[in-house]
């Protein structure tokens, strides 16, 4: 009985160890490329689930306007949300500026 309970707990921990989200904070139009996802484009802020992307993820996003701010970073939630890492934080307010980042 104890082994079965430990096996279930181990499986639950492994299942709960994933959750990568590319967070984009913006008040302008933007577009770009994300490894394993491809081309993305939108306006304003967005959160893109990239849990199924390769373990090493990089992105380049470019503002499509001269005004506004664009910020992007990867939020990697692990262990049922008990641990969170932030990778590749980059911000621009330059006209047509770009942000790049990677999770490693």
C-alpha atoms as a PDB file:
ATOM      1  CA  UNK A   1       0.000   0.000   0.000  1.00  0.00           C
ATOM      2  CA  UNK A   2       2.786   2.398   0.890  1.00  0.00           C
ATOM      3  CA  UNK A   3       4.580   1.727  -2.427  1.00  0.00           C
ATOM      4  CA  UNK A   4       1.415   2.459  -4.368  1.00  0.00           C
ATOM      5  CA  UNK A   5       0.955   5.750  -2.530  1.00  0.00           C
ATOM      6  CA  UNK A   6       4.580   6.724  -3.200  1.00  0.00           C
ATOM      7  CA  UNK A   7       4.213   5.823  -6.883  1.00  0.00           C
ATOM      8  CA  UNK A   8       1.085   7.964  -7.197  1.00  0.00           C
ATOM      9  CA  UNK A   9       2.825  10.871  -5.433  1.00  0.00           C
ATOM     10  CA  UNK A  10       5.887  10.586  -7.694  1.00  0.00           C
ATOM     11  CA  UNK A  11       3.705  10.536 -10.801  1.00  0.00           C
ATOM     12  CA  UNK A  12       1.763  13.579  -9.601  1.00  0.00           C
ATOM     13  CA  UNK A  13       4.997  15.485  -8.941  1.00  0.00           C
ATOM     14  CA  UNK A  14       6.346  14.665 -12.392  1.00  0.00           C
ATOM     15  CA  UNK A  15       3.095  15.708 -14.041  1.00  0.00           C
ATOM     16  CA  UNK A  16       3.071  19.004 -12.155  1.00  0.00           C
ATOM     17  CA  UNK A  17       6.613  20.065 -13.051  1.00  0.00           C
ATOM     18  CA  UNK A  18       5.869  21.771 -16.325  1.00  0.00           C
ATOM     19  CA  UNK A  19       4.533  25.079 -17.472  1.00  0.00           C
ATOM     20  CA  UNK A  20       6.420  27.518 -19.684  1.00  0.00           C
ATOM     21  CA  UNK A  21       4.666  30.743 -20.668  1.00  0.00           C
ATOM     22  CA  UNK A  22       6.062  33.507 -22.870  1.00  0.00           C
ATOM     23  CA  UNK A  23       4.753  36.713 -21.296  1.00  0.00           C
ATOM     24  CA  UNK A  24       4.459  39.742 -23.561  1.00  0.00           C
ATOM     25  CA  UNK A  25       3.611  43.093 -22.006  1.00  0.00           C
ATOM     26  CA  UNK A  26       2.876  45.742 -24.594  1.00  0.00           C
ATOM     27  CA  UNK A  27       0.729  48.708 -25.512  1.00  0.00           C
ATOM     28  CA  UNK A  28       1.545  48.525 -29.226  1.00  0.00           C
ATOM     29  CA  UNK A  29       1.522  46.240 -32.277  1.00  0.00           C
ATOM     30  CA  UNK A  30       4.243  43.583 -32.385  1.00  0.00           C
ATOM     31  CA  UNK A  31       5.284  40.441 -34.272  1.00  0.00           C
ATOM     32  CA  UNK A  32       8.109  37.939 -34.146  1.00  0.00           C
ATOM     33  CA  UNK A  33       9.461  34.415 -34.068  1.00  0.00           C
ATOM     34  CA  UNK A  34       9.548  31.837 -31.241  1.00  0.00           C
ATOM     35  CA  UNK A  35      11.605  28.629 -31.403  1.00  0.00           C
ATOM     36  CA  UNK A  36       9.331  25.619 -31.731  1.00  0.00           C
ATOM     37  CA  UNK A  37       6.230  27.792 -32.164  1.00  0.00           C
ATOM     38  CA  UNK A  38       6.916  29.836 -35.294  1.00  0.00           C
ATOM     39  CA  UNK A  39       5.615  33.272 -36.228  1.00  0.00           C
ATOM     40  CA  UNK A  40       3.421  35.184 -33.782  1.00  0.00           C
ATOM     41  CA  UNK A  41       1.813  38.622 -34.022  1.00  0.00           C
ATOM     42  CA  UNK A  42      -0.661  40.587 -31.935  1.00  0.00           C
ATOM     43  CA  UNK A  43      -1.255  43.916 -30.247  1.00  0.00           C
ATOM     44  CA  UNK A  44      -1.204  44.620 -26.559  1.00  0.00           C
ATOM     45  CA  UNK A  45      -0.243  42.087 -23.923  1.00  0.00           C
ATOM     46  CA  UNK A  46      -0.371  38.304 -24.310  1.00  0.00           C
ATOM     47  CA  UNK A  47       0.605  35.071 -22.583  1.00  0.00           C
ATOM     48  CA  UNK A  48       1.584  32.229 -24.901  1.00  0.00           C
ATOM     49  CA  UNK A  49       1.786  28.681 -23.538  1.00  0.00           C
ATOM     50  CA  UNK A  50       4.994  27.160 -24.885  1.00  0.00           C
ATOM     51  CA  UNK A  51       5.090  24.048 -22.685  1.00  0.00           C
ATOM     52  CA  UNK A  52       5.249  21.846 -25.797  1.00  0.00           C
ATOM     53  CA  UNK A  53       8.164  23.763 -27.331  1.00  0.00           C
ATOM     54  CA  UNK A  54      11.745  22.424 -27.134  1.00  0.00           C
ATOM     55  CA  UNK A  55      13.497  22.717 -23.770  1.00  0.00           C
ATOM     56  CA  UNK A  56      15.645  25.573 -25.125  1.00  0.00           C
ATOM     57  CA  UNK A  57      13.400  28.374 -26.390  1.00  0.00           C
ATOM     58  CA  UNK A  58      14.454  31.695 -27.906  1.00  0.00           C
ATOM     59  CA  UNK A  59      12.369  34.565 -29.275  1.00  0.00           C
ATOM     60  CA  UNK A  60      12.697  37.818 -31.152  1.00  0.00           C
ATOM     61  CA  UNK A  61       9.790  40.250 -31.156  1.00  0.00           C
ATOM     62  CA  UNK A  62       9.648  43.604 -32.948  1.00  0.00           C
ATOM     63  CA  UNK A  63       7.411  46.619 -32.385  1.00  0.00           C
ATOM     64  CA  UNK A  64       5.409  47.605 -35.467  1.00  0.00           C
ATOM     65  CA  UNK A  65       4.948  51.214 -34.352  1.00  0.00           C
ATOM     66  CA  UNK A  66       7.122  54.111 -33.273  1.00  0.00           C
ATOM     67  CA  UNK A  67       5.263  54.665 -29.997  1.00  0.00           C
ATOM     68  CA  UNK A  68       4.719  52.337 -27.065  1.00  0.00           C
ATOM     69  CA  UNK A  69       6.676  49.775 -25.089  1.00  0.00           C
ATOM     70  CA  UNK A  70       7.322  46.072 -25.660  1.00  0.00           C
ATOM     71  CA  UNK A  71       8.573  43.690 -22.956  1.00  0.00           C
ATOM     72  CA  UNK A  72       8.925  39.900 -23.144  1.00  0.00           C
ATOM     73  CA  UNK A  73      10.145  37.222 -20.745  1.00  0.00           C
ATOM     74  CA  UNK A  74       9.675  33.519 -20.098  1.00  0.00           C
ATOM     75  CA  UNK A  75       7.865  32.433 -16.938  1.00  0.00           C
ATOM     76  CA  UNK A  76       8.763  28.841 -16.108  1.00  0.00           C
ATOM     77  CA  UNK A  77       6.522  27.465 -13.368  1.00  0.00           C
ATOM     78  CA  UNK A  78       7.600  24.243 -11.698  1.00  0.00           C
ATOM     79  CA  UNK A  79       6.530  22.075  -8.791  1.00  0.00           C
ATOM     80  CA  UNK A  80       2.844  22.992  -8.772  1.00  0.00           C
ATOM     81  CA  UNK A  81       3.635  26.698  -8.901  1.00  0.00           C
ATOM     82  CA  UNK A  82       5.873  26.559  -5.822  1.00  0.00           C
ATOM     83  CA  UNK A  83       8.894  27.597  -7.856  1.00  0.00           C
ATOM     84  CA  UNK A  84       8.974  30.104 -10.690  1.00  0.00           C
ATOM     85  CA  UNK A  85      11.885  31.207 -12.852  1.00  0.00           C
ATOM     86  CA  UNK A  86      11.952  34.251 -15.121  1.00  0.00           C
ATOM     87  CA  UNK A  87      14.291  34.135 -18.117  1.00  0.00           C
ATOM     88  CA  UNK A  88      15.218  36.400 -21.004  1.00  0.00           C
ATOM     89  CA  UNK A  89      13.620  39.609 -19.728  1.00  0.00           C
ATOM     90  CA  UNK A  90      13.991  42.347 -22.359  1.00  0.00           C
ATOM     91  CA  UNK A  91      12.238  45.706 -22.870  1.00  0.00           C
ATOM     92  CA  UNK A  92      12.246  48.343 -25.609  1.00  0.00           C
ATOM     93  CA  UNK A  93      10.473  51.608 -26.253  1.00  0.00           C
ATOM     94  CA  UNK A  94      12.558  52.511 -29.308  1.00  0.00           C
ATOM     95  CA  UNK A  95      10.629  53.108 -32.554  1.00  0.00           C
ATOM     96  CA  UNK A  96      10.518  49.722 -34.319  1.00  0.00           C
ATOM     97  CA  UNK A  97      12.648  48.270 -31.483  1.00  0.00           C
ATOM     98  CA  UNK A  98      13.143  44.558 -30.854  1.00  0.00           C
ATOM     99  CA  UNK A  99      13.387  42.355 -27.799  1.00  0.00           C
ATOM    100  CA  UNK A 100      15.154  39.008 -27.722  1.00  0.00           C
ATOM    101  CA  UNK A 101      15.585  36.342 -25.109  1.00  0.00           C
ATOM    102  CA  UNK A 102      16.202  32.680 -24.357  1.00  0.00           C
ATOM    103  CA  UNK A 103      15.419  30.475 -21.415  1.00  0.00           C
ATOM    104  CA  UNK A 104      18.984  29.231 -21.022  1.00  0.00           C
END
